[in-house]
Amino acid sequence: MVRRLDPSSGLPVYRQIADSLRQQIESGELGVGDQLRSENQLIADYGAARQTVRQAVALLKAEGLVYAERGRGAFVRGRPPVERLAFDRFARRHRKDGEAALSVEMGGRLPTVDVVHVGPEKASVEVARWLGVRTGTKVLRRSRRYFAAGEPMELATSYVPWTLASGTAMTQEDTGPGGIYARIEEQGHELRRFTEDVTARMPTPDEARALALPTGTPVFRLIRIAYDTDDDVVEVCDTILASDRYVLSYELPAD
């Protein structure tokens, strides 16, 4: 199958080939799990040099659209995204029913949790600023990695003032039904509101390994701050989400 390239486009040939293959993936002509045509076939399809074809496929790999298997070729990557329903997951009724926020946003499916660390530490400058305490103040740090269908989805690290967390299940790996927010409210701090700031960046090497990210895949960094009815900060969660595995869905009131 010969595919035409546009010599007047100003784009390098490898970019035009990558654009053509990307369009085939996005249109469904190439579906999840389908194998790209062999290197020799692509050379014939586009009338391009071998190195040019390799550059085009390498670009798609860097974008996370395809993956390679040694000795077999390149295949279309498939990662059905989790729709993260931002407007509903922190509703009090879910905590009363014993559901944690991540379970709610995953439609009731229970994610697998790898608890990396739970324990006290001194607040860094950044954490102290979020919590409104002095740098070096004792806080609880809870670091977790979450999986869905065996695939790592996000890294989450929560910080809670030690005066609030000490002596509670928040200092244990299993915080119990309803998660950490249910335990906070049991301490007399009724949650009033949450704020979230979302940014995007490239992952650190440790984040890329922990989330098994394809080369070139960015992450979302989401900083969530929980306030009680006195407008005191009772928890901060610093979350790194694999951008190719989430849709961040928000519903906003119009009045």
Protein backbone atom coordinates (compact mmCIF):
# COMPACT_ATOMS: atom_id res chain seq x y z
CA MET A 1 0.00 0.00 0.00
CA VAL A 2 1.76 3.15 -1.21
CA ARG A 3 1.05 6.24 0.89
CA ARG A 4 1.77 9.69 -0.44
CA LEU A 5 3.99 12.20 1.30
CA ASP A 6 3.91 15.93 0.68
CA PRO A 7 7.35 17.22 -0.35
CA SER A 8 6.08 20.82 -0.10
CA SER A 9 4.81 20.57 3.50
CA GLY A 10 8.07 21.68 5.09
CA LEU A 11 7.85 18.79 7.59
CA PRO A 12 10.69 16.26 7.73
CA VAL A 13 9.78 12.97 6.07
CA TYR A 14 9.93 11.03 9.35
CA ARG A 15 7.40 13.45 10.87
CA GLN A 16 5.06 12.97 7.92
CA ILE A 17 5.30 9.19 8.30
CA ALA A 18 4.66 9.45 12.03
CA ASP A 19 1.65 11.72 11.35
CA SER A 20 0.27 9.21 8.87
CA LEU A 21 0.65 6.29 11.29
CA ARG A 22 -0.79 8.37 14.13
CA GLN A 23 -3.84 9.18 12.02
CA GLN A 24 -4.33 5.48 11.31
CA ILE A 25 -4.28 4.80 15.06
CA GLU A 26 -6.61 7.66 15.96
CA SER A 27 -9.10 6.75 13.21
CA GLY A 28 -9.22 3.11 14.29
CA GLU A 29 -7.67 1.83 11.10
CA LEU A 30 -5.04 0.43 13.45
CA GLY A 31 -6.64 -0.80 16.65
CA VAL A 32 -5.28 -1.55 20.10
CA GLY A 33 -2.87 -4.47 19.90
CA ASP A 34 -2.55 -4.28 16.11
CA GLN A 35 0.94 -4.63 14.72
CA LEU A 36 2.41 -1.87 12.61
CA ARG A 37 3.60 -3.02 9.21
CA SER A 38 7.16 -4.30 9.21
CA GLU A 39 10.09 -1.96 8.68
CA ASN A 40 10.55 -3.22 5.11
CA GLN A 41 6.84 -2.77 4.39
CA LEU A 42 6.87 0.79 5.72
CA ILE A 43 9.92 1.57 3.59
CA ALA A 44 7.94 0.39 0.56
CA ASP A 45 4.74 2.16 1.69
CA TYR A 46 6.35 5.57 2.01
CA GLY A 47 9.34 5.27 -0.30
CA ALA A 48 11.56 6.31 2.58
CA ALA A 49 14.96 5.27 3.86
CA ARG A 50 15.23 2.72 6.64
CA GLN A 51 16.60 5.25 9.15
CA THR A 52 13.73 7.63 8.35
CA VAL A 53 11.15 4.92 9.06
CA ARG A 54 12.92 4.07 12.30
CA GLN A 55 12.79 7.74 13.35
CA ALA A 56 9.05 7.83 12.67
CA VAL A 57 8.33 4.72 14.75
CA ALA A 58 10.64 5.97 17.51
CA LEU A 59 8.59 9.18 17.67
CA LEU A 60 5.37 7.19 18.14
CA LYS A 61 7.06 5.17 20.87
CA ALA A 62 8.12 8.37 22.62
CA GLU A 63 4.51 9.58 22.48
CA GLY A 64 3.34 6.33 24.09
CA LEU A 65 1.20 5.34 21.10
CA VAL A 66 3.11 2.17 20.26
CA TYR A 67 5.42 -0.26 22.00
CA ALA A 68 8.03 -2.62 20.61
CA GLU A 69 8.59 -6.31 21.24
CA ARG A 70 12.06 -7.57 20.42
CA GLY A 71 12.02 -9.72 17.31
CA ARG A 72 8.31 -9.11 16.66
CA GLY A 73 7.83 -5.46 15.78
CA ALA A 74 5.80 -2.48 17.00
CA PHE A 75 2.23 -2.68 18.29
CA VAL A 76 -0.50 -0.13 19.06
CA ARG A 77 -0.59 0.59 22.75
CA GLY A 78 -3.91 0.48 24.58
CA ARG A 79 -4.61 2.04 27.99
CA PRO A 80 -8.29 2.61 28.70
CA PRO A 81 -8.31 5.75 30.88
CA VAL A 82 -9.88 6.01 34.30
CA GLU A 83 -12.38 8.85 34.36
CA ARG A 84 -11.65 10.77 37.52
CA LEU A 85 -14.96 12.28 38.63
CA ALA A 86 -13.74 15.31 40.55
CA PHE A 87 -17.16 16.64 41.54
CA ASP A 88 -18.37 13.56 43.44
CA ARG A 89 -15.59 11.48 44.92
CA PHE A 90 -15.26 13.40 48.22
CA ALA A 91 -18.96 13.42 49.08
CA ARG A 92 -19.54 12.59 52.76
CA ARG A 93 -22.06 9.90 51.88
CA HIS A 94 -19.25 7.81 50.36
CA ARG A 95 -17.20 7.98 53.58
CA LYS A 96 -20.27 6.99 55.59
CA ASP A 97 -20.65 4.00 53.28
CA GLY A 98 -17.00 3.09 53.92
CA GLU A 99 -15.79 3.99 50.42
CA ALA A 100 -12.52 5.80 49.85
CA ALA A 101 -12.26 8.50 47.17
CA LEU A 102 -10.21 6.45 44.68
CA SER A 103 -12.69 3.59 44.79
CA VAL A 104 -15.51 6.05 44.02
CA GLU A 105 -13.77 7.57 41.02
CA MET A 106 -13.04 4.08 39.66
CA GLY A 107 -16.73 3.21 39.68
CA GLY A 108 -16.62 1.10 42.82
CA ARG A 109 -13.72 -1.06 41.70
CA LEU A 110 -11.22 -1.57 44.47
CA PRO A 111 -7.73 -0.51 43.44
CA THR A 112 -4.71 -2.45 44.63
CA VAL A 113 -2.61 -0.37 47.00
CA ASP A 114 1.10 -0.68 47.58
CA VAL A 115 1.87 1.21 50.79
CA VAL A 116 5.39 2.53 50.36
CA HIS A 117 5.80 4.42 53.64
CA VAL A 118 3.78 5.42 56.69
CA GLY A 119 5.39 7.35 59.51
CA PRO A 120 6.37 10.70 61.00
CA GLU A 121 8.84 13.09 59.44
CA LYS A 122 9.83 16.75 59.56
CA ALA A 123 7.88 18.99 57.22
CA SER A 124 9.84 20.29 54.25
CA VAL A 125 9.55 23.93 53.22
CA GLU A 126 6.89 22.99 50.64
CA VAL A 127 4.88 20.76 52.97
CA ALA A 128 5.06 23.34 55.76
CA ARG A 129 3.70 25.99 53.41
CA TRP A 130 0.80 23.76 52.38
CA LEU A 131 -0.11 22.83 55.96
CA GLY A 132 0.48 26.29 57.38
CA VAL A 133 3.07 25.12 59.91
CA ARG A 134 6.73 25.86 60.50
CA THR A 135 9.40 24.07 58.50
CA GLY A 136 10.59 21.06 60.47
CA THR A 137 7.27 20.55 62.28
CA LYS A 138 6.46 16.87 62.86
CA VAL A 139 3.90 15.57 60.35
CA LEU A 140 2.60 12.19 59.23
CA ARG A 141 3.61 11.11 55.73
CA ARG A 142 1.67 8.38 53.94
CA SER A 143 3.06 7.33 50.54
CA ARG A 144 1.15 4.86 48.35
CA ARG A 145 1.17 3.50 44.82
CA TYR A 146 -2.17 2.54 43.28
CA PHE A 147 -2.82 -0.11 40.64
CA ALA A 148 -5.82 -0.89 38.43
CA ALA A 149 -5.96 -4.23 36.62
CA GLY A 150 -2.35 -4.80 37.68
CA GLU A 151 -1.13 -1.56 36.10
CA PRO A 152 0.33 1.31 38.17
CA MET A 153 -1.90 4.39 37.92
CA GLU A 154 -0.74 6.95 40.43
CA LEU A 155 1.62 7.79 43.29
CA ALA A 156 0.02 9.58 46.23
CA THR A 157 1.67 11.08 49.30
CA SER A 158 -0.50 12.53 52.07
CA TYR A 159 0.67 14.82 54.85
CA VAL A 160 -1.32 15.29 58.07
CA PRO A 161 -0.38 17.33 61.15
CA TRP A 162 1.06 14.89 63.67
CA THR A 163 -1.10 16.38 66.40
CA LEU A 164 -4.13 15.22 64.44
CA ALA A 165 -2.80 11.85 63.25
CA SER A 166 -1.04 10.58 66.38
CA GLY A 167 -2.75 7.64 68.06
CA THR A 168 -5.19 7.07 65.17
CA ALA A 169 -5.48 4.52 62.37
CA MET A 170 -3.98 7.15 60.06
CA THR A 171 -0.57 5.99 61.31
CA GLN A 172 -1.33 2.41 60.22
CA GLU A 173 -1.05 0.98 56.71
CA ASP A 174 -4.78 0.20 56.68
CA THR A 175 -6.72 3.30 57.74
CA GLY A 176 -10.05 1.45 57.78
CA PRO A 177 -13.42 2.01 56.05
CA GLY A 178 -13.79 5.39 54.38
CA GLY A 179 -10.06 6.01 54.36
CA ILE A 180 -8.09 8.84 55.87
CA TYR A 181 -10.87 11.42 55.58
CA ALA A 182 -13.24 9.30 57.65
CA ARG A 183 -10.55 9.09 60.36
CA ILE A 184 -10.02 12.86 60.27
CA GLU A 185 -13.73 13.49 60.79
CA GLU A 186 -13.77 11.01 63.66
CA GLN A 187 -11.30 13.35 65.36
CA GLY A 188 -13.88 16.13 65.28
CA HIS A 189 -12.67 17.90 62.14
CA GLU A 190 -15.63 17.97 59.78
CA LEU A 191 -14.41 18.46 56.23
CA ARG A 192 -15.75 21.58 54.60
CA ARG A 193 -13.95 22.01 51.28
CA PHE A 194 -11.09 20.85 49.08
CA THR A 195 -8.86 22.74 46.66
CA GLU A 196 -6.91 21.16 43.83
CA ASP A 197 -4.12 22.53 41.66
CA VAL A 198 -3.20 20.46 38.60
CA THR A 199 0.00 20.92 36.61
CA ALA A 200 1.73 18.82 33.98
CA ARG A 201 5.40 17.99 33.63
CA MET A 202 7.76 15.23 32.63
CA PRO A 203 8.30 12.56 35.30
CA THR A 204 11.41 12.14 37.36
CA PRO A 205 13.33 8.90 36.68
CA ASP A 206 11.93 7.38 39.90
CA GLU A 207 8.36 8.32 38.94
CA ALA A 208 8.78 6.90 35.43
CA ARG A 209 9.99 3.59 36.87
CA ALA A 210 7.29 3.39 39.54
CA LEU A 211 4.51 4.08 37.02
CA ALA A 212 6.08 2.04 34.19
CA LEU A 213 5.73 5.03 31.86
CA PRO A 214 6.65 4.83 28.18
CA THR A 215 9.47 7.16 27.20
CA GLY A 216 8.17 10.69 26.64
CA THR A 217 4.95 10.29 28.64
CA PRO A 218 4.21 13.26 30.94
CA VAL A 219 2.48 13.13 34.31
CA PHE A 220 -0.13 15.23 36.04
CA ARG A 221 0.84 16.59 39.45
CA LEU A 222 -2.21 17.25 41.57
CA ILE A 223 -1.95 19.04 44.92
CA ARG A 224 -5.13 18.63 46.97
CA ILE A 225 -5.67 20.50 50.23
CA ALA A 226 -8.47 19.53 52.65
CA TYR A 227 -9.98 22.13 54.98
CA ASP A 228 -12.24 21.68 58.01
CA THR A 229 -15.15 23.92 59.02
CA ASP A 230 -12.73 26.29 60.78
CA ASP A 231 -10.87 26.56 57.46
CA ASP A 232 -7.81 24.87 58.97
CA VAL A 233 -5.77 22.60 56.71
CA VAL A 234 -6.13 19.02 57.95
CA GLU A 235 -4.46 17.15 55.08
CA VAL A 236 -2.49 17.70 51.90
CA CYS A 237 -2.14 15.07 49.18
CA ASP A 238 0.58 15.31 46.53
CA THR A 239 -0.41 12.97 43.69
CA ILE A 240 1.45 12.01 40.52
CA LEU A 241 -0.88 10.56 37.87
CA ALA A 242 0.13 8.80 34.67
CA SER A 243 -1.33 11.16 32.04
CA ASP A 244 -2.07 8.38 29.55
CA ARG A 245 -4.27 6.55 32.07
CA TYR A 246 -6.59 9.29 33.31
CA VAL A 247 -9.28 11.63 32.12
CA LEU A 248 -9.72 14.48 34.62
CA SER A 249 -13.46 15.15 34.55
CA TYR A 250 -14.95 18.20 36.31
CA GLU A 251 -18.54 19.34 36.67
CA LEU A 252 -18.93 22.99 37.67
CA PRO A 253 -22.12 24.77 38.77
CA ALA A 254 -23.36 27.63 36.61
CA ASP A 255 -25.03 29.62 39.41
